């Protein structure tokens, strides 16, 4: 049996994405602070989608 001293912390995030022909408007908030959110706008292109994925991968 494998024992670990590390605890896995789980948290819930909510994301909303408004998709238009030109842009992706993204809002992100944590379950513990629903009145505080981050917003970012990306081009609705392959490059913009890649930037979105990079932005979502950043620590918060």
PDB file of N, CA and C in Angstrom:
ATOM      1  N   UNK A   1       0.849  -1.179   0.000  1.00  0.00           N
ATOM      2  CA  UNK A   1       0.000   0.000   0.000  1.00  0.00           C
ATOM      3  C   UNK A   1       0.892   1.239   0.000  1.00  0.00           C
ATOM      4  N   UNK A   2       0.486   2.235  -0.770  1.00  0.00           N
ATOM      5  CA  UNK A   2       1.250   3.473  -0.880  1.00  0.00           C
ATOM      6  C   UNK A   2       0.687   4.500   0.097  1.00  0.00           C
ATOM      7  N   UNK A   3       1.554   5.087   0.900  1.00  0.00           N
ATOM      8  CA  UNK A   3       1.158   6.137   1.830  1.00  0.00           C
ATOM      9  C   UNK A   3       1.838   7.437   1.418  1.00  0.00           C
ATOM     10  N   UNK A   4       1.106   8.502   1.494  1.00  0.00           N
ATOM     11  CA  UNK A   4       1.660   9.797   1.119  1.00  0.00           C
ATOM     12  C   UNK A   4       1.421  10.802   2.231  1.00  0.00           C
ATOM     13  N   UNK A   5       2.382  11.680   2.424  1.00  0.00           N
ATOM     14  CA  UNK A   5       2.231  12.743   3.412  1.00  0.00           C
ATOM     15  C   UNK A   5       1.573  13.969   2.801  1.00  0.00           C
ATOM     16  N   UNK A   6       1.357  13.939   1.484  1.00  0.00           N
ATOM     17  CA  UNK A   6       0.778  15.074   0.782  1.00  0.00           C
ATOM     18  C   UNK A   6      -0.733  14.938   0.704  1.00  0.00           C
ATOM     19  N   UNK A   7      -1.399  16.022   0.946  1.00  0.00           N
ATOM     20  CA  UNK A   7      -2.846  16.049   0.818  1.00  0.00           C
ATOM     21  C   UNK A   7      -3.209  16.694  -0.508  1.00  0.00           C
ATOM     22  N   UNK A   8      -4.200  16.153  -1.146  1.00  0.00           N
ATOM     23  CA  UNK A   8      -4.689  16.742  -2.386  1.00  0.00           C
ATOM     24  C   UNK A   8      -5.795  17.721  -2.023  1.00  0.00           C
ATOM     25  N   UNK A   9      -5.602  18.962  -2.435  1.00  0.00           N
ATOM     26  CA  UNK A   9      -6.606  19.979  -2.155  1.00  0.00           C
ATOM     27  C   UNK A   9      -7.469  20.163  -3.394  1.00  0.00           C
ATOM     28  N   UNK A  10      -8.746  20.051  -3.214  1.00  0.00           N
ATOM     29  CA  UNK A  10      -9.680  20.242  -4.307  1.00  0.00           C
ATOM     30  C   UNK A  10     -10.379  21.582  -4.133  1.00  0.00           C
ATOM     31  N   UNK A  11     -10.614  22.245  -5.238  1.00  0.00           N
ATOM     32  CA  UNK A  11     -11.393  23.467  -5.180  1.00  0.00           C
ATOM     33  C   UNK A  11     -12.235  23.540  -6.450  1.00  0.00           C
ATOM     34  N   UNK A  12     -13.307  24.292  -6.363  1.00  0.00           N
ATOM     35  CA  UNK A  12     -14.227  24.403  -7.482  1.00  0.00           C
ATOM     36  C   UNK A  12     -14.173  25.804  -8.061  1.00  0.00           C
ATOM     37  N   UNK A  13     -13.994  25.871  -9.348  1.00  0.00           N
ATOM     38  CA  UNK A  13     -13.979  27.122 -10.092  1.00  0.00           C
ATOM     39  C   UNK A  13     -15.128  27.104 -11.079  1.00  0.00           C
ATOM     40  N   UNK A  14     -15.652  28.281 -11.366  1.00  0.00           N
ATOM     41  CA  UNK A  14     -16.708  28.435 -12.358  1.00  0.00           C
ATOM     42  C   UNK A  14     -16.180  29.315 -13.481  1.00  0.00           C
ATOM     43  N   UNK A  15     -16.494  28.935 -14.706  1.00  0.00           N
ATOM     44  CA  UNK A  15     -16.042  29.699 -15.860  1.00  0.00           C
ATOM     45  C   UNK A  15     -17.245  29.967 -16.766  1.00  0.00           C
ATOM     46  N   UNK A  16     -17.282  31.194 -17.272  1.00  0.00           N
ATOM     47  CA  UNK A  16     -18.304  31.564 -18.241  1.00  0.00           C
ATOM     48  C   UNK A  16     -17.612  32.113 -19.472  1.00  0.00           C
ATOM     49  N   UNK A  17     -18.026  31.647 -20.634  1.00  0.00           N
ATOM     50  CA  UNK A  17     -17.403  32.101 -21.878  1.00  0.00           C
ATOM     51  C   UNK A  17     -18.497  32.585 -22.825  1.00  0.00           C
ATOM     52  N   UNK A  18     -18.405  33.846 -23.205  1.00  0.00           N
ATOM     53  CA  UNK A  18     -19.309  34.432 -24.191  1.00  0.00           C
ATOM     54  C   UNK A  18     -18.571  34.398 -25.525  1.00  0.00           C
ATOM     55  N   UNK A  19     -19.125  33.655 -26.462  1.00  0.00           N
ATOM     56  CA  UNK A  19     -18.475  33.464 -27.755  1.00  0.00           C
ATOM     57  C   UNK A  19     -19.145  34.352 -28.794  1.00  0.00           C
ATOM     58  N   UNK A  20     -18.334  35.175 -29.457  1.00  0.00           N
ATOM     59  CA  UNK A  20     -18.837  35.944 -30.590  1.00  0.00           C
ATOM     60  C   UNK A  20     -17.939  35.637 -31.791  1.00  0.00           C
ATOM     61  N   UNK A  21     -18.287  36.195 -32.916  1.00  0.00           N
ATOM     62  CA  UNK A  21     -17.504  35.930 -34.130  1.00  0.00           C
ATOM     63  C   UNK A  21     -16.052  36.375 -33.960  1.00  0.00           C
ATOM     64  N   UNK A  22     -15.830  37.486 -33.269  1.00  0.00           N
ATOM     65  CA  UNK A  22     -14.483  38.056 -33.158  1.00  0.00           C
ATOM     66  C   UNK A  22     -13.769  37.730 -31.851  1.00  0.00           C
ATOM     67  N   UNK A  23     -14.523  37.539 -30.754  1.00  0.00           N
ATOM     68  CA  UNK A  23     -13.865  37.419 -29.448  1.00  0.00           C
ATOM     69  C   UNK A  23     -14.454  36.316 -28.579  1.00  0.00           C
ATOM     70  N   UNK A  24     -13.667  35.942 -27.574  1.00  0.00           N
ATOM     71  CA  UNK A  24     -14.090  35.080 -26.468  1.00  0.00           C
ATOM     72  C   UNK A  24     -13.944  35.923 -25.208  1.00  0.00           C
ATOM     73  N   UNK A  25     -15.055  36.232 -24.543  1.00  0.00           N
ATOM     74  CA  UNK A  25     -15.010  36.957 -23.273  1.00  0.00           C
ATOM     75  C   UNK A  25     -15.156  35.923 -22.171  1.00  0.00           C
ATOM     76  N   UNK A  26     -14.163  35.868 -21.293  1.00  0.00           N
ATOM     77  CA  UNK A  26     -14.095  34.807 -20.298  1.00  0.00           C
ATOM     78  C   UNK A  26     -14.122  35.398 -18.893  1.00  0.00           C
ATOM     79  N   UNK A  27     -14.982  34.849 -18.049  1.00  0.00           N
ATOM     80  CA  UNK A  27     -15.040  35.223 -16.635  1.00  0.00           C
ATOM     81  C   UNK A  27     -14.780  33.968 -15.808  1.00  0.00           C
ATOM     82  N   UNK A  28     -13.995  34.117 -14.741  1.00  0.00           N
ATOM     83  CA  UNK A  28     -13.606  32.998 -13.901  1.00  0.00           C
ATOM     84  C   UNK A  28     -13.750  33.402 -12.446  1.00  0.00           C
ATOM     85  N   UNK A  29     -14.414  32.562 -11.644  1.00  0.00           N
ATOM     86  CA  UNK A  29     -14.507  32.853 -10.206  1.00  0.00           C
ATOM     87  C   UNK A  29     -14.422  31.558  -9.402  1.00  0.00           C
ATOM     88  N   UNK A  30     -14.010  31.704  -8.155  1.00  0.00           N
ATOM     89  CA  UNK A  30     -13.878  30.580  -7.231  1.00  0.00           C
ATOM     90  C   UNK A  30     -15.158  30.458  -6.413  1.00  0.00           C
ATOM     91  N   UNK A  31     -15.496  29.242  -6.043  1.00  0.00           N
ATOM     92  CA  UNK A  31     -16.728  29.012  -5.283  1.00  0.00           C
ATOM     93  C   UNK A  31     -16.766  29.771  -3.958  1.00  0.00           C
ATOM     94  N   UNK A  32     -15.614  30.034  -3.366  1.00  0.00           N
ATOM     95  CA  UNK A  32     -15.565  30.713  -2.075  1.00  0.00           C
ATOM     96  C   UNK A  32     -15.687  32.230  -2.190  1.00  0.00           C
ATOM     97  N   UNK A  33     -15.540  32.783  -3.381  1.00  0.00           N
ATOM     98  CA  UNK A  33     -15.686  34.229  -3.575  1.00  0.00           C
ATOM     99  C   UNK A  33     -16.450  34.514  -4.866  1.00  0.00           C
ATOM    100  N   UNK A  34     -17.743  34.227  -4.860  1.00  0.00           N
ATOM    101  CA  UNK A  34     -18.535  34.387  -6.085  1.00  0.00           C
ATOM    102  C   UNK A  34     -18.678  35.826  -6.558  1.00  0.00           C
ATOM    103  N   UNK A  35     -18.411  36.807  -5.697  1.00  0.00           N
ATOM    104  CA  UNK A  35     -18.524  38.210  -6.093  1.00  0.00           C
ATOM    105  C   UNK A  35     -17.217  38.780  -6.629  1.00  0.00           C
ATOM    106  N   UNK A  36     -16.167  37.985  -6.610  1.00  0.00           N
ATOM    107  CA  UNK A  36     -14.872  38.412  -7.137  1.00  0.00           C
ATOM    108  C   UNK A  36     -14.531  37.494  -8.308  1.00  0.00           C
ATOM    109  N   UNK A  37     -14.252  38.098  -9.457  1.00  0.00           N
ATOM    110  CA  UNK A  37     -13.929  37.265 -10.601  1.00  0.00           C
ATOM    111  C   UNK A  37     -12.873  37.931 -11.464  1.00  0.00           C
ATOM    112  N   UNK A  38     -12.239  37.109 -12.270  1.00  0.00           N
ATOM    113  CA  UNK A  38     -11.265  37.588 -13.246  1.00  0.00           C
ATOM    114  C   UNK A  38     -11.942  37.585 -14.609  1.00  0.00           C
ATOM    115  N   UNK A  39     -11.602  38.572 -15.420  1.00  0.00           N
ATOM    116  CA  UNK A  39     -12.154  38.657 -16.765  1.00  0.00           C
ATOM    117  C   UNK A  39     -11.028  38.887 -17.749  1.00  0.00           C
ATOM    118  N   UNK A  40     -11.127  38.237 -18.879  1.00  0.00           N
ATOM    119  CA  UNK A  40     -10.136  38.410 -19.929  1.00  0.00           C
ATOM    120  C   UNK A  40     -10.838  38.225 -21.267  1.00  0.00           C
ATOM    121  N   UNK A  41     -10.349  38.922 -22.273  1.00  0.00           N
ATOM    122  CA  UNK A  41     -10.906  38.801 -23.616  1.00  0.00           C
ATOM    123  C   UNK A  41      -9.824  38.283 -24.552  1.00  0.00           C
ATOM    124  N   UNK A  42     -10.216  37.342 -25.409  1.00  0.00           N
ATOM    125  CA  UNK A  42      -9.297  36.722 -26.352  1.00  0.00           C
ATOM    126  C   UNK A  42      -9.911  36.775 -27.741  1.00  0.00           C
ATOM    127  N   UNK A  43      -9.049  36.791 -28.741  1.00  0.00           N
ATOM    128  CA  UNK A  43      -9.524  36.721 -30.120  1.00  0.00           C
ATOM    129  C   UNK A  43     -10.125  35.331 -30.357  1.00  0.00           C
ATOM    130  N   UNK A  44     -11.184  35.258 -31.139  1.00  0.00           N
ATOM    131  CA  UNK A  44     -11.800  33.973 -31.459  1.00  0.00           C
ATOM    132  C   UNK A  44     -11.062  33.371 -32.661  1.00  0.00           C
ATOM    133  N   UNK A  45      -9.823  32.987 -32.382  1.00  0.00           N
ATOM    134  CA  UNK A  45      -8.940  32.375 -33.373  1.00  0.00           C
ATOM    135  C   UNK A  45      -8.195  31.239 -32.677  1.00  0.00           C
ATOM    136  N   UNK A  46      -7.465  30.470 -33.450  1.00  0.00           N
ATOM    137  CA  UNK A  46      -6.653  29.401 -32.860  1.00  0.00           C
ATOM    138  C   UNK A  46      -5.634  29.979 -31.873  1.00  0.00           C
ATOM    139  N   UNK A  47      -5.026  31.104 -32.240  1.00  0.00           N
ATOM    140  CA  UNK A  47      -4.047  31.742 -31.341  1.00  0.00           C
ATOM    141  C   UNK A  47      -4.721  32.248 -30.065  1.00  0.00           C
ATOM    142  N   UNK A  48      -5.916  32.820 -30.200  1.00  0.00           N
ATOM    143  CA  UNK A  48      -6.657  33.296 -29.029  1.00  0.00           C
ATOM    144  C   UNK A  48      -7.047  32.158 -28.107  1.00  0.00           C
ATOM    145  N   UNK A  49      -7.443  31.017 -28.681  1.00  0.00           N
ATOM    146  CA  UNK A  49      -7.799  29.852 -27.873  1.00  0.00           C
ATOM    147  C   UNK A  49      -6.575  29.343 -27.111  1.00  0.00           C
ATOM    148  N   UNK A  50      -5.420  29.360 -27.765  1.00  0.00           N
ATOM    149  CA  UNK A  50      -4.185  28.944 -27.097  1.00  0.00           C
ATOM    150  C   UNK A  50      -3.862  29.889 -25.932  1.00  0.00           C
ATOM    151  N   UNK A  51      -4.071  31.197 -26.137  1.00  0.00           N
ATOM    152  CA  UNK A  51      -3.859  32.168 -25.056  1.00  0.00           C
ATOM    153  C   UNK A  51      -4.832  31.923 -23.909  1.00  0.00           C
ATOM    154  N   UNK A  52      -6.069  31.572 -24.231  1.00  0.00           N
ATOM    155  CA  UNK A  52      -7.069  31.253 -23.203  1.00  0.00           C
ATOM    156  C   UNK A  52      -6.600  30.077 -22.358  1.00  0.00           C
ATOM    157  N   UNK A  53      -6.140  29.022 -22.994  1.00  0.00           N
ATOM    158  CA  UNK A  53      -5.666  27.850 -22.253  1.00  0.00           C
ATOM    159  C   UNK A  53      -4.473  28.188 -21.367  1.00  0.00           C
ATOM    160  N   UNK A  54      -3.577  29.032 -21.868  1.00  0.00           N
ATOM    161  CA  UNK A  54      -2.432  29.474 -21.061  1.00  0.00           C
ATOM    162  C   UNK A  54      -2.913  30.268 -19.855  1.00  0.00           C
ATOM    163  N   UNK A  55      -3.859  31.189 -20.067  1.00  0.00           N
ATOM    164  CA  UNK A  55      -4.408  32.007 -18.984  1.00  0.00           C
ATOM    165  C   UNK A  55      -5.068  31.138 -17.922  1.00  0.00           C
ATOM    166  N   UNK A  56      -5.815  30.124 -18.347  1.00  0.00           N
ATOM    167  CA  UNK A  56      -6.486  29.247 -17.386  1.00  0.00           C
ATOM    168  C   UNK A  56      -5.493  28.399 -16.592  1.00  0.00           C
ATOM    169  N   UNK A  57      -4.329  28.128 -17.164  1.00  0.00           N
ATOM    170  CA  UNK A  57      -3.329  27.308 -16.483  1.00  0.00           C
ATOM    171  C   UNK A  57      -2.504  28.070 -15.469  1.00  0.00           C
ATOM    172  N   UNK A  58      -2.643  29.391 -15.415  1.00  0.00           N
ATOM    173  CA  UNK A  58      -1.864  30.196 -14.473  1.00  0.00           C
ATOM    174  C   UNK A  58      -2.385  29.990 -13.044  1.00  0.00           C
ATOM    175  N   UNK A  59      -1.476  29.936 -12.077  1.00  0.00           N
ATOM    176  CA  UNK A  59      -1.935  29.792 -10.685  1.00  0.00           C
ATOM    177  C   UNK A  59      -2.737  31.003 -10.222  1.00  0.00           C
ATOM    178  N   UNK A  60      -3.704  30.750  -9.411  1.00  0.00           N
ATOM    179  CA  UNK A  60      -4.543  31.811  -8.859  1.00  0.00           C
ATOM    180  C   UNK A  60      -4.493  31.769  -7.356  1.00  0.00           C
TER     181      UNK A  60
END
